[in-house]
Amino acid sequence: MKHIAMILVLTSIPSAAVFAADAAAGKTVFDAKCKMCHGAAGGGGVMDKKPIAGTEAATVKATVSNGKGKMKPQPAVTGDGLDNVAAYVASLKK
């Protein structure tokens, strides 16, 4: 029983981190760092970049931190800014 309780607690930690992020503040980061390629609503921009609207926050954080495909890592986006932009992208409608 203790193992099940511990698993439940540990699996809820990533979800709690997303809820602690501020999607409204993430829009500021998105507008400065992402919008030019991914479009104002995350649907792909003038550079025909992949739509990212509604992407899971953990995936956004990994991609911003490590890069993926043609996108290079964005070392200027870290900490709360990274959490916030991930929450904002996840909140966008597909």
N, C-alpha and C. Protein backbone atom coordinates (compact mmCIF):
# COMPACT_ATOMS: atom_id res chain seq x y z
N MET A 1 0.82 -1.19 0.00
CA MET A 1 0.00 0.00 0.00
C MET A 1 0.87 1.26 0.00
N LYS A 2 1.97 1.22 0.75
CA LYS A 2 2.88 2.37 0.79
C LYS A 2 3.46 2.65 -0.59
N HIS A 3 3.75 1.58 -1.35
CA HIS A 3 4.32 1.75 -2.69
C HIS A 3 3.33 2.43 -3.61
N ILE A 4 2.09 2.06 -3.53
CA ILE A 4 1.07 2.67 -4.37
C ILE A 4 0.92 4.14 -4.03
N ALA A 5 0.90 4.46 -2.75
CA ALA A 5 0.79 5.86 -2.34
C ALA A 5 1.99 6.66 -2.82
N MET A 6 3.17 6.10 -2.74
CA MET A 6 4.38 6.80 -3.19
C MET A 6 4.35 7.02 -4.70
N ILE A 7 3.90 6.03 -5.44
CA ILE A 7 3.80 6.17 -6.90
C ILE A 7 2.82 7.27 -7.25
N LEU A 8 1.70 7.32 -6.57
CA LEU A 8 0.72 8.37 -6.84
C LEU A 8 1.28 9.75 -6.55
N VAL A 9 2.01 9.88 -5.47
CA VAL A 9 2.61 11.17 -5.13
C VAL A 9 3.65 11.56 -6.18
N LEU A 10 4.51 10.65 -6.56
CA LEU A 10 5.57 10.96 -7.51
C LEU A 10 5.03 11.25 -8.91
N THR A 11 3.99 10.57 -9.33
CA THR A 11 3.45 10.83 -10.66
C THR A 11 2.65 12.13 -10.72
N SER A 12 2.26 12.65 -9.59
CA SER A 12 1.51 13.91 -9.59
C SER A 12 2.43 15.13 -9.59
N ILE A 13 3.70 14.96 -9.32
CA ILE A 13 4.63 16.09 -9.25
C ILE A 13 4.75 16.83 -10.58
N PRO A 14 4.95 16.17 -11.73
CA PRO A 14 5.04 16.92 -12.98
C PRO A 14 3.77 17.71 -13.28
N SER A 15 2.61 17.15 -12.99
CA SER A 15 1.35 17.85 -13.22
C SER A 15 1.26 19.08 -12.34
N ALA A 16 1.68 18.99 -11.11
CA ALA A 16 1.63 20.13 -10.20
C ALA A 16 2.54 21.25 -10.70
N ALA A 17 3.68 20.88 -11.28
CA ALA A 17 4.61 21.90 -11.79
C ALA A 17 3.99 22.68 -12.93
N VAL A 18 3.21 22.02 -13.78
CA VAL A 18 2.56 22.71 -14.90
C VAL A 18 1.52 23.69 -14.37
N PHE A 19 0.76 23.29 -13.34
CA PHE A 19 -0.27 24.18 -12.80
C PHE A 19 0.35 25.37 -12.09
N ALA A 20 1.58 25.24 -11.62
CA ALA A 20 2.25 26.35 -10.95
C ALA A 20 2.76 27.37 -11.96
N ALA A 21 2.89 26.97 -13.21
CA ALA A 21 3.39 27.88 -14.24
C ALA A 21 2.32 28.91 -14.59
N ASP A 22 2.76 30.03 -15.10
CA ASP A 22 1.88 31.15 -15.43
C ASP A 22 1.79 31.28 -16.95
N ALA A 23 0.72 30.75 -17.54
CA ALA A 23 0.56 30.77 -18.99
C ALA A 23 0.50 32.20 -19.52
N ALA A 24 -0.10 33.12 -18.76
CA ALA A 24 -0.18 34.52 -19.21
C ALA A 24 1.22 35.12 -19.34
N ALA A 25 2.08 34.82 -18.38
CA ALA A 25 3.47 35.29 -18.46
C ALA A 25 4.20 34.57 -19.59
N GLY A 26 3.82 33.34 -19.87
CA GLY A 26 4.42 32.58 -20.96
C GLY A 26 4.15 33.18 -22.32
N LYS A 27 3.04 33.90 -22.46
CA LYS A 27 2.73 34.55 -23.73
C LYS A 27 3.78 35.59 -24.07
N THR A 28 4.29 36.28 -23.06
CA THR A 28 5.34 37.28 -23.28
C THR A 28 6.60 36.62 -23.83
N VAL A 29 6.98 35.49 -23.26
CA VAL A 29 8.15 34.75 -23.74
C VAL A 29 7.87 34.24 -25.15
N PHE A 30 6.69 33.68 -25.37
CA PHE A 30 6.32 33.15 -26.68
C PHE A 30 6.40 34.24 -27.74
N ASP A 31 5.83 35.42 -27.43
CA ASP A 31 5.84 36.52 -28.39
C ASP A 31 7.26 36.95 -28.75
N ALA A 32 8.15 36.89 -27.78
CA ALA A 32 9.54 37.33 -28.01
C ALA A 32 10.40 36.26 -28.68
N LYS A 33 10.16 35.00 -28.37
CA LYS A 33 11.08 33.95 -28.80
C LYS A 33 10.53 32.91 -29.78
N CYS A 34 9.21 32.78 -29.87
CA CYS A 34 8.63 31.67 -30.63
C CYS A 34 7.73 32.11 -31.78
N LYS A 35 7.02 33.20 -31.57
CA LYS A 35 5.99 33.64 -32.51
C LYS A 35 6.51 33.85 -33.93
N MET A 36 7.73 34.33 -34.06
CA MET A 36 8.24 34.63 -35.39
C MET A 36 8.33 33.40 -36.28
N CYS A 37 8.54 32.24 -35.69
CA CYS A 37 8.64 31.01 -36.48
C CYS A 37 7.36 30.17 -36.41
N HIS A 38 6.73 30.13 -35.25
CA HIS A 38 5.60 29.23 -35.05
C HIS A 38 4.24 29.93 -35.16
N GLY A 39 4.22 31.24 -35.44
CA GLY A 39 2.97 31.96 -35.61
C GLY A 39 2.36 32.41 -34.30
N ALA A 40 1.51 33.41 -34.37
CA ALA A 40 0.92 34.01 -33.17
C ALA A 40 0.08 33.02 -32.36
N ALA A 41 -0.55 32.06 -33.03
CA ALA A 41 -1.38 31.09 -32.33
C ALA A 41 -0.73 29.71 -32.26
N GLY A 42 0.56 29.64 -32.62
CA GLY A 42 1.28 28.37 -32.57
C GLY A 42 0.92 27.41 -33.69
N GLY A 43 0.27 27.92 -34.73
CA GLY A 43 -0.17 27.07 -35.82
C GLY A 43 0.81 26.94 -36.97
N GLY A 44 2.03 27.42 -36.79
CA GLY A 44 3.01 27.42 -37.88
C GLY A 44 3.13 28.84 -38.40
N GLY A 45 4.31 29.26 -38.71
CA GLY A 45 4.51 30.65 -39.11
C GLY A 45 4.87 30.81 -40.56
N VAL A 46 5.35 32.00 -40.86
CA VAL A 46 5.72 32.33 -42.24
C VAL A 46 6.87 31.47 -42.73
N MET A 47 7.61 30.87 -41.84
CA MET A 47 8.73 30.02 -42.22
C MET A 47 8.30 28.56 -42.35
N ASP A 48 6.98 28.32 -42.39
CA ASP A 48 6.43 26.96 -42.50
C ASP A 48 6.94 26.03 -41.40
N LYS A 49 7.04 26.57 -40.21
CA LYS A 49 7.46 25.75 -39.07
C LYS A 49 6.29 24.90 -38.60
N LYS A 50 6.61 23.85 -37.89
CA LYS A 50 5.63 22.90 -37.39
C LYS A 50 4.66 23.59 -36.43
N PRO A 51 3.36 23.31 -36.55
CA PRO A 51 2.41 23.81 -35.56
C PRO A 51 2.75 23.23 -34.18
N ILE A 52 2.67 24.06 -33.16
CA ILE A 52 2.99 23.60 -31.82
C ILE A 52 1.85 23.81 -30.83
N ALA A 53 0.76 24.42 -31.28
CA ALA A 53 -0.37 24.68 -30.39
C ALA A 53 -0.84 23.39 -29.73
N GLY A 54 -1.03 23.44 -28.42
CA GLY A 54 -1.53 22.30 -27.68
C GLY A 54 -0.50 21.23 -27.36
N THR A 55 0.76 21.48 -27.69
CA THR A 55 1.81 20.50 -27.39
C THR A 55 1.97 20.38 -25.88
N GLU A 56 2.11 19.18 -25.41
CA GLU A 56 2.28 18.91 -23.98
C GLU A 56 3.45 19.71 -23.41
N ALA A 57 3.27 20.28 -22.23
CA ALA A 57 4.27 21.15 -21.61
C ALA A 57 5.64 20.48 -21.50
N ALA A 58 5.67 19.22 -21.12
CA ALA A 58 6.96 18.52 -20.96
C ALA A 58 7.70 18.43 -22.30
N THR A 59 6.96 18.24 -23.37
CA THR A 59 7.57 18.16 -24.70
C THR A 59 8.11 19.52 -25.12
N VAL A 60 7.36 20.58 -24.83
CA VAL A 60 7.82 21.94 -25.15
C VAL A 60 9.11 22.23 -24.39
N LYS A 61 9.14 21.90 -23.12
CA LYS A 61 10.34 22.18 -22.31
C LYS A 61 11.55 21.42 -22.85
N ALA A 62 11.36 20.16 -23.20
CA ALA A 62 12.48 19.36 -23.72
C ALA A 62 12.97 19.92 -25.05
N THR A 63 12.04 20.32 -25.91
CA THR A 63 12.42 20.83 -27.22
C THR A 63 13.12 22.18 -27.10
N VAL A 64 12.62 23.05 -26.27
CA VAL A 64 13.25 24.36 -26.08
C VAL A 64 14.65 24.19 -25.48
N SER A 65 14.78 23.29 -24.55
CA SER A 65 16.07 23.08 -23.87
C SER A 65 17.09 22.34 -24.72
N ASN A 66 16.63 21.34 -25.47
CA ASN A 66 17.56 20.46 -26.19
C ASN A 66 17.56 20.64 -27.70
N GLY A 67 16.54 21.31 -28.22
CA GLY A 67 16.39 21.41 -29.66
C GLY A 67 15.76 20.14 -30.20
N LYS A 68 15.27 20.23 -31.46
CA LYS A 68 14.69 19.05 -32.11
C LYS A 68 14.60 19.35 -33.59
N GLY A 69 15.10 18.44 -34.39
CA GLY A 69 15.08 18.66 -35.84
C GLY A 69 15.89 19.90 -36.19
N LYS A 70 15.26 20.81 -36.94
CA LYS A 70 15.95 22.03 -37.34
C LYS A 70 15.97 23.09 -36.24
N MET A 71 15.17 22.91 -35.21
CA MET A 71 15.15 23.90 -34.13
C MET A 71 16.33 23.67 -33.20
N LYS A 72 17.07 24.72 -33.01
CA LYS A 72 18.22 24.66 -32.10
C LYS A 72 17.75 24.92 -30.67
N PRO A 73 18.51 24.45 -29.67
CA PRO A 73 18.16 24.77 -28.28
C PRO A 73 18.10 26.28 -28.08
N GLN A 74 17.26 26.70 -27.17
CA GLN A 74 17.09 28.12 -26.87
C GLN A 74 17.59 28.39 -25.44
N PRO A 75 18.91 28.57 -25.27
CA PRO A 75 19.48 28.68 -23.93
C PRO A 75 19.02 29.92 -23.16
N ALA A 76 18.46 30.90 -23.84
CA ALA A 76 17.98 32.11 -23.15
C ALA A 76 16.65 31.87 -22.44
N VAL A 77 15.98 30.77 -22.75
CA VAL A 77 14.69 30.47 -22.13
C VAL A 77 14.90 29.38 -21.09
N THR A 78 14.90 29.78 -19.83
CA THR A 78 15.16 28.85 -18.73
C THR A 78 14.25 29.17 -17.55
N GLY A 79 14.32 28.33 -16.55
CA GLY A 79 13.63 28.57 -15.28
C GLY A 79 12.14 28.83 -15.43
N ASP A 80 11.66 29.87 -14.76
CA ASP A 80 10.24 30.21 -14.80
C ASP A 80 9.79 30.55 -16.22
N GLY A 81 10.66 31.20 -17.00
CA GLY A 81 10.31 31.53 -18.37
C GLY A 81 10.02 30.28 -19.18
N LEU A 82 10.80 29.25 -18.99
CA LEU A 82 10.60 27.98 -19.68
C LEU A 82 9.30 27.33 -19.22
N ASP A 83 9.08 27.29 -17.92
CA ASP A 83 7.84 26.71 -17.39
C ASP A 83 6.62 27.47 -17.92
N ASN A 84 6.72 28.79 -17.93
CA ASN A 84 5.59 29.61 -18.35
C ASN A 84 5.29 29.47 -19.83
N VAL A 85 6.32 29.48 -20.68
CA VAL A 85 6.07 29.34 -22.12
C VAL A 85 5.54 27.95 -22.44
N ALA A 86 6.00 26.94 -21.71
CA ALA A 86 5.50 25.58 -21.91
C ALA A 86 4.02 25.52 -21.56
N ALA A 87 3.63 26.16 -20.47
CA ALA A 87 2.22 26.20 -20.07
C ALA A 87 1.39 26.96 -21.10
N TYR A 88 1.94 28.03 -21.62
CA TYR A 88 1.22 28.82 -22.62
C TYR A 88 1.00 28.03 -23.91
N VAL A 89 2.03 27.39 -24.41
CA VAL A 89 1.90 26.58 -25.64
C VAL A 89 0.91 25.45 -25.42
N ALA A 90 0.97 24.81 -24.27
CA ALA A 90 0.03 23.72 -23.98
C ALA A 90 -1.40 24.22 -23.94
N SER A 91 -1.59 25.49 -23.57
CA SER A 91 -2.95 26.05 -23.46
C SER A 91 -3.53 26.48 -24.81
N LEU A 92 -2.69 26.60 -25.84
CA LEU A 92 -3.17 27.04 -27.14
C LEU A 92 -4.03 25.96 -27.78
N LYS A 93 -5.08 26.37 -28.49
CA LYS A 93 -5.96 25.40 -29.15
C LYS A 93 -5.34 24.94 -30.45
N LYS A 94 -5.45 23.64 -30.67
CA LYS A 94 -4.93 23.02 -31.90
C LYS A 94 -5.77 23.42 -33.08
